[in-house]
Amino acid sequence: MTDHRPALDPAVAELRRAVRPALASHRTVLVALSGGADSLALAAAVAFEAPRAGVRAIAVTVDHDLQPGSAAIAADAANSARGLGLEAIVVGVEVGADGGPEAAARTARYAALRDAATDYSASGVLLGHTLDDQAETVLLGLARGSGATSLAGMAGELDDDEITWMRPLLAVRRESTHAACAAQGLIPWEDPHNSDDSYARVRVRRRVLPVLEAELGPGIADALARTAEQLREDAEAFADMIEETIEDIVEPAEAGIAISVAALAANPAALRNRIIRHVAASEFHVSLTRAQTLEVARLVTDWHGQGPIDLPAFRAHRADGRILFTAR
């Protein structure tokens, strides 16, 4: 008997293959669904694969209430998810102002997703970031003079407490998510912010990457994504080295901690600077610039009696063969 089933669209197959491994170790997952092509294609792939893996999947649409009609847009996205066979909820959030509109919206969104994961006992949250998003992130990091950790881009998986944040589409091009939606008769929502050139990411997407592709040849986005992957491997190795090193060289001090000058001097500059940044982030919850990091490092490598260095939230100074980090 001849099988006359229609051939599976290549983009749909690609999306399904991408999400399959992400579902393997979970019983309940959430899918972050904005209604755009990336998240809608992700939701469709999860809707197909989750039942076959015995996984409960719930689409979560966050209504940021930042533009007219946002409630209707969120409701449409949830209805699309239900049409795919997923459970779906809409969560409203209040967006603050810290860090600018993009950062504030992201903070509110991730907090809502975390709360939903707790409410539904979900161990994983799937996000729709693609290879193109990764490439844009690396370019923005380059433009800002960020270090290797920032240039490593977004992690494919990140364990945070009892939740695993997953980006199964980081090897998938944006054109594939659009093609997958078209092949399945899904109509994605076009976020007007994605056409607003006042956002740096939009300018990178619409102007910078196309120019690079035109002038340097195709494959720029793939190359940037590969760079992020390689740097992430390096960053993870450094993180392990820092954890091991810090256990041996850090000691408690009044209102802070202290590190042996000799121990810091014995390490290469790359590791020494990362240790300084790690102390600032873990002990005082601040992110040092490169200039600030190097200024602290000079207490080790170029000390000639200079006094304390005042930094956000803490002070660094040298005394008795140690660098003291104390809260201000």
C-alpha atoms as a PDB file:
ATOM      1  CA  MET A   1       0.000   0.000   0.000  1.00  0.00           C
ATOM      2  CA  THR A   2       1.457   3.352  -1.040  1.00  0.00           C
ATOM      3  CA  ASP A   3       1.916   6.004   1.627  1.00  0.00           C
ATOM      4  CA  HIS A   4       0.495   9.279   0.280  1.00  0.00           C
ATOM      5  CA  ARG A   5       1.216  11.420   3.338  1.00  0.00           C
ATOM      6  CA  PRO A   6       2.480  14.854   2.348  1.00  0.00           C
ATOM      7  CA  ALA A   7       6.180  15.487   2.884  1.00  0.00           C
ATOM      8  CA  LEU A   8       7.014  17.337   6.087  1.00  0.00           C
ATOM      9  CA  ASP A   9       8.131  20.912   5.450  1.00  0.00           C
ATOM     10  CA  PRO A  10      11.906  21.176   6.078  1.00  0.00           C
ATOM     11  CA  ALA A  11      11.546  24.187   8.373  1.00  0.00           C
ATOM     12  CA  VAL A  12       8.900  22.441  10.479  1.00  0.00           C
ATOM     13  CA  ALA A  13      11.123  19.374  10.729  1.00  0.00           C
ATOM     14  CA  GLU A  14      14.091  21.526  11.748  1.00  0.00           C
ATOM     15  CA  LEU A  15      12.140  23.152  14.559  1.00  0.00           C
ATOM     16  CA  ARG A  16      10.869  19.822  15.851  1.00  0.00           C
ATOM     17  CA  ARG A  17      14.355  18.326  15.860  1.00  0.00           C
ATOM     18  CA  ALA A  18      15.632  21.362  17.740  1.00  0.00           C
ATOM     19  CA  VAL A  19      13.118  21.164  20.591  1.00  0.00           C
ATOM     20  CA  ARG A  20      13.137  17.385  21.029  1.00  0.00           C
ATOM     21  CA  PRO A  21      16.284  17.182  23.208  1.00  0.00           C
ATOM     22  CA  ALA A  22      15.114  20.075  25.390  1.00  0.00           C
ATOM     23  CA  LEU A  23      12.040  18.122  26.489  1.00  0.00           C
ATOM     24  CA  ALA A  24      13.832  14.899  27.353  1.00  0.00           C
ATOM     25  CA  SER A  25      14.460  15.457  31.065  1.00  0.00           C
ATOM     26  CA  HIS A  26      11.286  17.319  32.062  1.00  0.00           C
ATOM     27  CA  ARG A  27       7.747  16.427  33.031  1.00  0.00           C
ATOM     28  CA  THR A  28       6.298  19.946  32.772  1.00  0.00           C
ATOM     29  CA  VAL A  29       7.644  22.875  30.774  1.00  0.00           C
ATOM     30  CA  LEU A  30       6.567  26.389  29.932  1.00  0.00           C
ATOM     31  CA  VAL A  31       6.883  27.979  26.495  1.00  0.00           C
ATOM     32  CA  ALA A  32       7.392  31.744  26.495  1.00  0.00           C
ATOM     33  CA  LEU A  33       5.043  32.917  23.746  1.00  0.00           C
ATOM     34  CA  SER A  34       4.938  36.516  22.554  1.00  0.00           C
ATOM     35  CA  GLY A  35       3.017  35.661  19.395  1.00  0.00           C
ATOM     36  CA  GLY A  36       5.929  36.582  17.116  1.00  0.00           C
ATOM     37  CA  ALA A  37       7.238  34.151  14.524  1.00  0.00           C
ATOM     38  CA  ASP A  38      10.089  32.780  16.651  1.00  0.00           C
ATOM     39  CA  SER A  39       8.041  31.974  19.724  1.00  0.00           C
ATOM     40  CA  LEU A  40       5.023  30.817  17.697  1.00  0.00           C
ATOM     41  CA  ALA A  41       7.147  28.376  15.684  1.00  0.00           C
ATOM     42  CA  LEU A  42       8.684  27.186  18.947  1.00  0.00           C
ATOM     43  CA  ALA A  43       5.237  26.661  20.467  1.00  0.00           C
ATOM     44  CA  ALA A  44       4.086  24.678  17.419  1.00  0.00           C
ATOM     45  CA  ALA A  45       7.133  22.422  17.607  1.00  0.00           C
ATOM     46  CA  VAL A  46       6.639  21.851  21.335  1.00  0.00           C
ATOM     47  CA  ALA A  47       2.922  21.164  20.798  1.00  0.00           C
ATOM     48  CA  PHE A  48       3.893  18.352  18.436  1.00  0.00           C
ATOM     49  CA  GLU A  49       6.806  16.896  20.401  1.00  0.00           C
ATOM     50  CA  ALA A  50       5.662  17.259  24.031  1.00  0.00           C
ATOM     51  CA  PRO A  51       2.814  14.692  23.962  1.00  0.00           C
ATOM     52  CA  ARG A  52       5.137  12.171  22.317  1.00  0.00           C
ATOM     53  CA  ALA A  53       7.676  12.721  25.099  1.00  0.00           C
ATOM     54  CA  GLY A  54       5.059  12.525  27.839  1.00  0.00           C
ATOM     55  CA  VAL A  55       5.653  16.164  28.786  1.00  0.00           C
ATOM     56  CA  ARG A  56       3.016  18.660  29.854  1.00  0.00           C
ATOM     57  CA  ALA A  57       3.594  21.952  28.018  1.00  0.00           C
ATOM     58  CA  ILE A  58       1.987  25.285  28.881  1.00  0.00           C
ATOM     59  CA  ALA A  59       2.329  28.431  26.795  1.00  0.00           C
ATOM     60  CA  VAL A  60       2.781  31.606  28.844  1.00  0.00           C
ATOM     61  CA  THR A  61       2.173  34.989  27.236  1.00  0.00           C
ATOM     62  CA  VAL A  62       3.302  38.000  29.243  1.00  0.00           C
ATOM     63  CA  ASP A  63       1.284  41.172  28.724  1.00  0.00           C
ATOM     64  CA  HIS A  64       3.637  44.081  29.407  1.00  0.00           C
ATOM     65  CA  ASP A  65       0.876  46.646  28.783  1.00  0.00           C
ATOM     66  CA  LEU A  66       3.336  48.894  26.957  1.00  0.00           C
ATOM     67  CA  GLN A  67       1.280  49.623  23.851  1.00  0.00           C
ATOM     68  CA  PRO A  68      -2.381  50.020  22.900  1.00  0.00           C
ATOM     69  CA  GLY A  69      -4.186  46.737  22.399  1.00  0.00           C
ATOM     70  CA  SER A  70      -1.592  44.687  24.286  1.00  0.00           C
ATOM     71  CA  ALA A  71      -4.266  42.674  26.104  1.00  0.00           C
ATOM     72  CA  ALA A  72      -5.881  41.661  22.811  1.00  0.00           C
ATOM     73  CA  ILE A  73      -2.499  40.765  21.320  1.00  0.00           C
ATOM     74  CA  ALA A  74      -1.709  38.579  24.334  1.00  0.00           C
ATOM     75  CA  ALA A  75      -5.131  36.914  24.138  1.00  0.00           C
ATOM     76  CA  ASP A  76      -4.608  36.171  20.427  1.00  0.00           C
ATOM     77  CA  ALA A  77      -1.247  34.564  21.173  1.00  0.00           C
ATOM     78  CA  ALA A  78      -2.798  32.383  23.866  1.00  0.00           C
ATOM     79  CA  ASN A  79      -5.605  31.374  21.499  1.00  0.00           C
ATOM     80  CA  SER A  80      -3.025  30.412  18.871  1.00  0.00           C
ATOM     81  CA  ALA A  81      -1.344  28.169  21.439  1.00  0.00           C
ATOM     82  CA  ARG A  82      -4.642  26.539  22.332  1.00  0.00           C
ATOM     83  CA  GLY A  83      -5.297  25.963  18.649  1.00  0.00           C
ATOM     84  CA  LEU A  84      -2.015  24.042  18.549  1.00  0.00           C
ATOM     85  CA  GLY A  85      -3.167  21.875  21.443  1.00  0.00           C
ATOM     86  CA  LEU A  86      -1.224  23.575  24.220  1.00  0.00           C
ATOM     87  CA  GLU A  87      -2.521  24.805  27.528  1.00  0.00           C
ATOM     88  CA  ALA A  88      -2.126  28.569  27.583  1.00  0.00           C
ATOM     89  CA  ILE A  89      -2.209  31.402  30.110  1.00  0.00           C
ATOM     90  CA  VAL A  90      -1.744  35.170  29.947  1.00  0.00           C
ATOM     91  CA  VAL A  91       0.100  36.945  32.738  1.00  0.00           C
ATOM     92  CA  GLY A  92      -0.044  40.708  33.178  1.00  0.00           C
ATOM     93  CA  VAL A  93       2.984  42.544  34.576  1.00  0.00           C
ATOM     94  CA  GLU A  94       3.877  46.053  35.621  1.00  0.00           C
ATOM     95  CA  VAL A  95       7.076  47.225  33.945  1.00  0.00           C
ATOM     96  CA  GLY A  96       9.358  49.480  35.977  1.00  0.00           C
ATOM     97  CA  ALA A  97      11.927  51.973  34.727  1.00  0.00           C
ATOM     98  CA  ASP A  98      15.274  50.623  35.956  1.00  0.00           C
ATOM     99  CA  GLY A  99      17.819  50.144  33.186  1.00  0.00           C
ATOM    100  CA  GLY A 100      15.631  51.542  30.404  1.00  0.00           C
ATOM    101  CA  PRO A 101      12.471  50.158  28.796  1.00  0.00           C
ATOM    102  CA  GLU A 102      14.000  47.028  27.246  1.00  0.00           C
ATOM    103  CA  ALA A 103      15.785  45.920  30.397  1.00  0.00           C
ATOM    104  CA  ALA A 104      12.809  46.727  32.614  1.00  0.00           C
ATOM    105  CA  ALA A 105      10.439  44.747  30.387  1.00  0.00           C
ATOM    106  CA  ARG A 106      12.847  41.813  30.338  1.00  0.00           C
ATOM    107  CA  THR A 107      13.129  41.849  34.131  1.00  0.00           C
ATOM    108  CA  ALA A 108       9.345  41.860  34.524  1.00  0.00           C
ATOM    109  CA  ARG A 109       8.930  39.120  31.909  1.00  0.00           C
ATOM    110  CA  TYR A 110      11.434  36.741  33.457  1.00  0.00           C
ATOM    111  CA  ALA A 111       9.978  37.291  36.909  1.00  0.00           C
ATOM    112  CA  ALA A 112       6.514  36.417  35.562  1.00  0.00           C
ATOM    113  CA  LEU A 113       7.849  33.294  33.850  1.00  0.00           C
ATOM    114  CA  ARG A 114       9.589  32.233  37.043  1.00  0.00           C
ATOM    115  CA  ASP A 115       6.390  32.697  39.061  1.00  0.00           C
ATOM    116  CA  ALA A 116       4.416  30.715  36.485  1.00  0.00           C
ATOM    117  CA  ALA A 117       6.990  27.922  36.592  1.00  0.00           C
ATOM    118  CA  THR A 118       6.544  27.750  40.354  1.00  0.00           C
ATOM    119  CA  ASP A 119       2.738  27.799  40.085  1.00  0.00           C
ATOM    120  CA  TYR A 120       2.680  24.941  37.561  1.00  0.00           C
ATOM    121  CA  SER A 121       5.640  22.980  38.976  1.00  0.00           C
ATOM    122  CA  ALA A 122       7.482  23.378  35.684  1.00  0.00           C
ATOM    123  CA  SER A 123      11.169  22.484  35.709  1.00  0.00           C
ATOM    124  CA  GLY A 124      11.948  24.077  32.346  1.00  0.00           C
ATOM    125  CA  VAL A 125      11.138  27.262  30.441  1.00  0.00           C
ATOM    126  CA  LEU A 126      11.669  27.334  26.679  1.00  0.00           C
ATOM    127  CA  LEU A 127      12.602  30.651  25.051  1.00  0.00           C
ATOM    128  CA  GLY A 128      12.457  31.422  21.333  1.00  0.00           C
ATOM    129  CA  HIS A 129      15.831  33.097  20.762  1.00  0.00           C
ATOM    130  CA  THR A 130      17.371  32.147  17.416  1.00  0.00           C
ATOM    131  CA  LEU A 131      20.843  32.132  15.891  1.00  0.00           C
ATOM    132  CA  ASP A 132      20.131  35.616  14.548  1.00  0.00           C
ATOM    133  CA  ASP A 133      19.388  36.865  18.074  1.00  0.00           C
ATOM    134  CA  GLN A 134      22.691  35.389  19.204  1.00  0.00           C
ATOM    135  CA  ALA A 135      24.574  37.124  16.388  1.00  0.00           C
ATOM    136  CA  GLU A 136      22.952  40.462  17.271  1.00  0.00           C
ATOM    137  CA  THR A 137      23.901  39.994  20.927  1.00  0.00           C
ATOM    138  CA  VAL A 138      27.559  39.406  20.023  1.00  0.00           C
ATOM    139  CA  LEU A 139      27.667  42.478  17.755  1.00  0.00           C
ATOM    140  CA  LEU A 140      26.127  44.663  20.442  1.00  0.00           C
ATOM    141  CA  GLY A 141      28.688  43.365  22.926  1.00  0.00           C
ATOM    142  CA  LEU A 142      31.506  44.186  20.526  1.00  0.00           C
ATOM    143  CA  ALA A 143      30.170  47.689  20.016  1.00  0.00           C
ATOM    144  CA  ARG A 144      30.056  48.260  23.770  1.00  0.00           C
ATOM    145  CA  GLY A 145      33.564  46.930  24.344  1.00  0.00           C
ATOM    146  CA  SER A 146      32.271  44.092  26.484  1.00  0.00           C
ATOM    147  CA  GLY A 147      34.481  41.307  27.758  1.00  0.00           C
ATOM    148  CA  ALA A 148      34.525  37.685  26.690  1.00  0.00           C
ATOM    149  CA  THR A 149      31.751  36.709  29.088  1.00  0.00           C
ATOM    150  CA  SER A 150      29.347  39.159  27.459  1.00  0.00           C
ATOM    151  CA  LEU A 151      30.473  38.215  23.952  1.00  0.00           C
ATOM    152  CA  ALA A 152      29.693  34.589  24.783  1.00  0.00           C
ATOM    153  CA  GLY A 153      26.086  35.595  24.240  1.00  0.00           C
ATOM    154  CA  MET A 154      23.101  33.626  25.458  1.00  0.00           C
ATOM    155  CA  ALA A 155      23.397  30.154  26.928  1.00  0.00           C
ATOM    156  CA  GLY A 156      21.553  27.297  25.299  1.00  0.00           C
ATOM    157  CA  GLU A 157      20.681  26.072  28.793  1.00  0.00           C
ATOM    158  CA  LEU A 158      21.006  27.784  32.136  1.00  0.00           C
ATOM    159  CA  ASP A 159      20.125  26.171  35.457  1.00  0.00           C
ATOM    160  CA  ASP A 160      18.779  28.692  37.936  1.00  0.00           C
ATOM    161  CA  ASP A 161      17.596  27.277  41.250  1.00  0.00           C
ATOM    162  CA  GLU A 162      15.067  24.599  40.239  1.00  0.00           C
ATOM    163  CA  ILE A 163      14.366  25.979  36.760  1.00  0.00           C
ATOM    164  CA  THR A 164      16.266  25.291  33.528  1.00  0.00           C
ATOM    165  CA  TRP A 165      16.025  28.147  31.035  1.00  0.00           C
ATOM    166  CA  MET A 166      16.335  26.668  27.552  1.00  0.00           C
ATOM    167  CA  ARG A 167      16.926  28.219  24.140  1.00  0.00           C
ATOM    168  CA  PRO A 168      16.590  25.272  21.772  1.00  0.00           C
ATOM    169  CA  LEU A 169      16.547  27.463  18.647  1.00  0.00           C
ATOM    170  CA  LEU A 170      20.010  29.008  19.008  1.00  0.00           C
ATOM    171  CA  ALA A 171      21.195  26.991  15.997  1.00  0.00           C
ATOM    172  CA  VAL A 172      18.079  27.884  13.954  1.00  0.00           C
ATOM    173  CA  ARG A 173      17.916  30.890  11.630  1.00  0.00           C
ATOM    174  CA  ARG A 174      15.058  33.364  11.925  1.00  0.00           C
ATOM    175  CA  GLU A 175      14.040  32.635   8.347  1.00  0.00           C
ATOM    176  CA  SER A 176      13.292  29.059   9.415  1.00  0.00           C
ATOM    177  CA  THR A 177      10.854  30.147  12.118  1.00  0.00           C
ATOM    178  CA  HIS A 178       9.005  32.318   9.599  1.00  0.00           C
ATOM    179  CA  ALA A 179       8.960  29.459   7.097  1.00  0.00           C
ATOM    180  CA  ALA A 180       7.691  27.027   9.735  1.00  0.00           C
ATOM    181  CA  CYS A 181       4.838  29.381  10.630  1.00  0.00           C
ATOM    182  CA  ALA A 182       3.892  29.789   6.969  1.00  0.00           C
ATOM    183  CA  ALA A 183       3.972  26.037   6.350  1.00  0.00           C
ATOM    184  CA  GLN A 184       1.599  25.422   9.262  1.00  0.00           C
ATOM    185  CA  GLY A 185      -0.789  28.248   8.458  1.00  0.00           C
ATOM    186  CA  LEU A 186       0.202  30.220  11.553  1.00  0.00           C
ATOM    187  CA  ILE A 187       0.006  33.998  11.427  1.00  0.00           C
ATOM    188  CA  PRO A 188       2.570  35.591  13.746  1.00  0.00           C
ATOM    189  CA  TRP A 189       2.177  38.955  15.386  1.00  0.00           C
ATOM    190  CA  GLU A 190       4.526  41.648  14.073  1.00  0.00           C
ATOM    191  CA  ASP A 191       5.825  43.600  17.054  1.00  0.00           C
ATOM    192  CA  PRO A 192       6.152  47.270  16.012  1.00  0.00           C
ATOM    193  CA  HIS A 193       9.166  47.565  18.328  1.00  0.00           C
ATOM    194  CA  ASN A 194      11.013  45.274  15.918  1.00  0.00           C
ATOM    195  CA  SER A 195      10.838  48.047  13.318  1.00  0.00           C
ATOM    196  CA  ASP A 196      11.706  50.902  15.663  1.00  0.00           C
ATOM    197  CA  ASP A 197      15.203  52.139  14.810  1.00  0.00           C
ATOM    198  CA  SER A 198      15.485  53.907  18.148  1.00  0.00           C
ATOM    199  CA  TYR A 199      16.498  50.504  19.579  1.00  0.00           C
ATOM    200  CA  ALA A 200      20.136  49.521  19.031  1.00  0.00           C
ATOM    201  CA  ARG A 201      19.218  45.866  18.464  1.00  0.00           C
ATOM    202  CA  VAL A 202      16.809  46.838  15.694  1.00  0.00           C
ATOM    203  CA  ARG A 203      19.493  48.915  13.974  1.00  0.00           C
ATOM    204  CA  VAL A 204      21.888  45.967  14.175  1.00  0.00           C
ATOM    205  CA  ARG A 205      19.231  43.674  12.703  1.00  0.00           C
ATOM    206  CA  ARG A 206      18.024  45.955   9.917  1.00  0.00           C
ATOM    207  CA  ARG A 207      21.187  47.869   9.009  1.00  0.00           C
ATOM    208  CA  VAL A 208      24.436  46.506  10.401  1.00  0.00           C
ATOM    209  CA  LEU A 209      24.123  42.768   9.722  1.00  0.00           C
ATOM    210  CA  PRO A 210      22.846  43.249   6.153  1.00  0.00           C
ATOM    211  CA  VAL A 211      25.799  45.556   5.403  1.00  0.00           C
ATOM    212  CA  LEU A 212      28.257  43.032   6.846  1.00  0.00           C
ATOM    213  CA  GLU A 213      26.674  40.258   4.793  1.00  0.00           C
ATOM    214  CA  ALA A 214      26.853  42.394   1.651  1.00  0.00           C
ATOM    215  CA  GLU A 215      30.435  43.573   2.164  1.00  0.00           C
ATOM    216  CA  LEU A 216      32.060  40.519   3.724  1.00  0.00           C
ATOM    217  CA  GLY A 217      29.969  37.743   2.241  1.00  0.00           C
ATOM    218  CA  PRO A 218      27.246  35.446   3.579  1.00  0.00           C
ATOM    219  CA  GLY A 219      27.602  33.533   6.813  1.00  0.00           C
ATOM    220  CA  ILE A 220      28.323  36.454   9.144  1.00  0.00           C
ATOM    221  CA  ALA A 221      25.514  35.556  11.555  1.00  0.00           C
ATOM    222  CA  ASP A 222      26.685  31.931  11.693  1.00  0.00           C
ATOM    223  CA  ALA A 223      30.259  33.045  12.326  1.00  0.00           C
ATOM    224  CA  LEU A 224      29.195  35.353  15.159  1.00  0.00           C
ATOM    225  CA  ALA A 225      27.141  32.556  16.725  1.00  0.00           C
ATOM    226  CA  ARG A 226      30.137  30.201  16.505  1.00  0.00           C
ATOM    227  CA  THR A 227      32.273  32.854  18.162  1.00  0.00           C
ATOM    228  CA  ALA A 228      29.758  33.081  21.006  1.00  0.00           C
ATOM    229  CA  GLU A 229      29.816  29.312  21.447  1.00  0.00           C
ATOM    230  CA  GLN A 230      33.614  29.199  21.599  1.00  0.00           C
ATOM    231  CA  LEU A 231      33.790  32.105  24.038  1.00  0.00           C
ATOM    232  CA  ARG A 232      31.133  30.483  26.209  1.00  0.00           C
ATOM    233  CA  GLU A 233      33.310  27.375  26.477  1.00  0.00           C
ATOM    234  CA  ASP A 234      36.239  29.578  27.518  1.00  0.00           C
ATOM    235  CA  ALA A 235      34.084  31.508  29.996  1.00  0.00           C
ATOM    236  CA  GLU A 236      32.838  28.289  31.601  1.00  0.00           C
ATOM    237  CA  ALA A 237      36.409  27.017  31.948  1.00  0.00           C
ATOM    238  CA  PHE A 238      37.484  30.307  33.536  1.00  0.00           C
ATOM    239  CA  ALA A 239      34.501  30.179  35.897  1.00  0.00           C
ATOM    240  CA  ASP A 240      35.554  26.749  37.125  1.00  0.00           C
ATOM    241  CA  MET A 241      39.147  27.938  37.580  1.00  0.00           C
ATOM    242  CA  ILE A 242      37.968  30.998  39.507  1.00  0.00           C
ATOM    243  CA  GLU A 243      35.834  28.925  41.867  1.00  0.00           C
ATOM    244  CA  GLU A 244      38.772  26.640  42.614  1.00  0.00           C
ATOM    245  CA  THR A 245      41.231  29.519  43.019  1.00  0.00           C
ATOM    246  CA  ILE A 246      39.010  31.671  45.200  1.00  0.00           C
ATOM    247  CA  GLU A 247      38.558  28.893  47.736  1.00  0.00           C
ATOM    248  CA  ASP A 248      42.305  28.965  48.331  1.00  0.00           C
ATOM    249  CA  ILE A 249      43.059  32.694  48.302  1.00  0.00           C
ATOM    250  CA  VAL A 250      40.017  34.491  49.748  1.00  0.00           C
ATOM    251  CA  GLU A 251      39.555  35.041  53.465  1.00  0.00           C
ATOM    252  CA  PRO A 252      36.957  36.924  55.522  1.00  0.00           C
ATOM    253  CA  ALA A 253      37.682  40.497  56.568  1.00  0.00           C
ATOM    254  CA  GLU A 254      35.751  43.090  58.537  1.00  0.00           C
ATOM    255  CA  ALA A 255      32.808  44.311  56.411  1.00  0.00           C
ATOM    256  CA  GLY A 256      34.089  42.384  53.426  1.00  0.00           C
ATOM    257  CA  ILE A 257      36.777  39.975  52.249  1.00  0.00           C
ATOM    258  CA  ALA A 258      40.521  39.956  51.600  1.00  0.00           C
ATOM    259  CA  ILE A 259      42.739  38.350  48.961  1.00  0.00           C
ATOM    260  CA  SER A 260      46.466  37.718  49.204  1.00  0.00           C
ATOM    261  CA  VAL A 261      48.492  40.035  46.971  1.00  0.00           C
ATOM    262  CA  ALA A 262      51.014  37.271  46.315  1.00  0.00           C
ATOM    263  CA  ALA A 263      48.260  34.869  45.254  1.00  0.00           C
ATOM    264  CA  LEU A 264      46.735  37.406  42.867  1.00  0.00           C
ATOM    265  CA  ALA A 265      50.136  38.298  41.446  1.00  0.00           C
ATOM    266  CA  ALA A 266      50.878  34.630  40.780  1.00  0.00           C
ATOM    267  CA  ASN A 267      47.899  34.349  38.435  1.00  0.00           C
ATOM    268  CA  PRO A 268      47.870  35.529  34.804  1.00  0.00           C
ATOM    269  CA  ALA A 269      46.165  38.853  34.143  1.00  0.00           C
ATOM    270  CA  ALA A 270      43.071  37.273  32.580  1.00  0.00           C
ATOM    271  CA  LEU A 271      42.386  35.159  35.652  1.00  0.00           C
ATOM    272  CA  ARG A 272      43.365  37.931  38.106  1.00  0.00           C
ATOM    273  CA  ASN A 273      40.943  40.386  36.509  1.00  0.00           C
ATOM    274  CA  ARG A 274      38.145  37.841  36.472  1.00  0.00           C
ATOM    275  CA  ILE A 275      38.695  37.146  40.166  1.00  0.00           C
ATOM    276  CA  ILE A 276      38.374  40.856  40.924  1.00  0.00           C
ATOM    277  CA  ARG A 277      35.166  41.118  38.889  1.00  0.00           C
ATOM    278  CA  HIS A 278      33.830  37.948  40.495  1.00  0.00           C
ATOM    279  CA  VAL A 279      34.398  39.357  43.993  1.00  0.00           C
ATOM    280  CA  ALA A 280      32.640  42.600  43.059  1.00  0.00           C
ATOM    281  CA  ALA A 281      29.648  40.751  41.615  1.00  0.00           C
ATOM    282  CA  SER A 282      29.267  38.013  44.233  1.00  0.00           C
ATOM    283  CA  GLU A 283      30.032  40.016  47.366  1.00  0.00           C
ATOM    284  CA  PHE A 284      28.748  43.484  46.482  1.00  0.00           C
ATOM    285  CA  HIS A 285      26.377  42.835  43.539  1.00  0.00           C
ATOM    286  CA  VAL A 286      28.027  45.301  41.198  1.00  0.00           C
ATOM    287  CA  SER A 287      29.542  44.892  37.740  1.00  0.00           C
ATOM    288  CA  LEU A 288      32.903  46.579  37.301  1.00  0.00           C
ATOM    289  CA  THR A 289      33.981  48.182  34.052  1.00  0.00           C
ATOM    290  CA  ARG A 290      37.318  47.171  32.582  1.00  0.00           C
ATOM    291  CA  ALA A 291      38.842  50.476  33.686  1.00  0.00           C
ATOM    292  CA  GLN A 292      37.685  49.900  37.275  1.00  0.00           C
ATOM    293  CA  THR A 293      38.947  46.329  37.218  1.00  0.00           C
ATOM    294  CA  LEU A 294      42.385  47.387  36.000  1.00  0.00           C
ATOM    295  CA  GLU A 295      42.577  50.093  38.648  1.00  0.00           C
ATOM    296  CA  VAL A 296      42.047  47.488  41.363  1.00  0.00           C
ATOM    297  CA  ALA A 297      44.553  45.172  39.665  1.00  0.00           C
ATOM    298  CA  ARG A 298      47.170  47.944  39.860  1.00  0.00           C
ATOM    299  CA  LEU A 299      47.080  47.523  43.642  1.00  0.00           C
ATOM    300  CA  VAL A 300      48.713  44.181  42.903  1.00  0.00           C
ATOM    301  CA  THR A 301      50.875  44.821  39.849  1.00  0.00           C
ATOM    302  CA  ASP A 302      51.813  48.515  40.112  1.00  0.00           C
ATOM    303  CA  TRP A 303      51.518  49.483  43.753  1.00  0.00           C
ATOM    304  CA  HIS A 304      53.495  52.458  44.973  1.00  0.00           C
ATOM    305  CA  GLY A 305      51.559  53.348  48.108  1.00  0.00           C
ATOM    306  CA  GLN A 306      48.356  54.620  46.476  1.00  0.00           C
ATOM    307  CA  GLY A 307      45.323  54.915  48.719  1.00  0.00           C
ATOM    308  CA  PRO A 308      41.912  53.251  48.639  1.00  0.00           C
ATOM    309  CA  ILE A 309      39.903  53.022  45.416  1.00  0.00           C
ATOM    310  CA  ASP A 310      36.250  53.968  45.804  1.00  0.00           C
ATOM    311  CA  LEU A 311      33.972  51.839  43.627  1.00  0.00           C
ATOM    312  CA  PRO A 312      30.216  51.328  43.451  1.00  0.00           C
ATOM    313  CA  ALA A 313      29.116  49.736  46.749  1.00  0.00           C
ATOM    314  CA  PHE A 314      32.624  48.917  47.995  1.00  0.00           C
ATOM    315  CA  ARG A 315      36.190  50.137  48.495  1.00  0.00           C
ATOM    316  CA  ALA A 316      39.418  48.344  47.593  1.00  0.00           C
ATOM    317  CA  HIS A 317      42.743  49.033  49.258  1.00  0.00           C
ATOM    318  CA  ARG A 318      46.038  47.283  49.951  1.00  0.00           C
ATOM    319  CA  ALA A 319      47.313  46.584  53.458  1.00  0.00           C
ATOM    320  CA  ASP A 320      49.533  43.963  55.075  1.00  0.00           C
ATOM    321  CA  GLY A 321      50.072  42.060  51.855  1.00  0.00           C
ATOM    322  CA  ARG A 322      46.338  41.745  51.113  1.00  0.00           C
ATOM    323  CA  ILE A 323      43.769  43.483  48.945  1.00  0.00           C
ATOM    324  CA  LEU A 324      40.830  44.365  51.174  1.00  0.00           C
ATOM    325  CA  PHE A 325      37.356  44.680  49.664  1.00  0.00           C
ATOM    326  CA  THR A 326      35.049  46.416  52.140  1.00  0.00           C
ATOM    327  CA  ALA A 327      31.487  47.699  51.882  1.00  0.00           C
ATOM    328  CA  ARG A 328      31.119  51.456  51.685  1.00  0.00           C
END
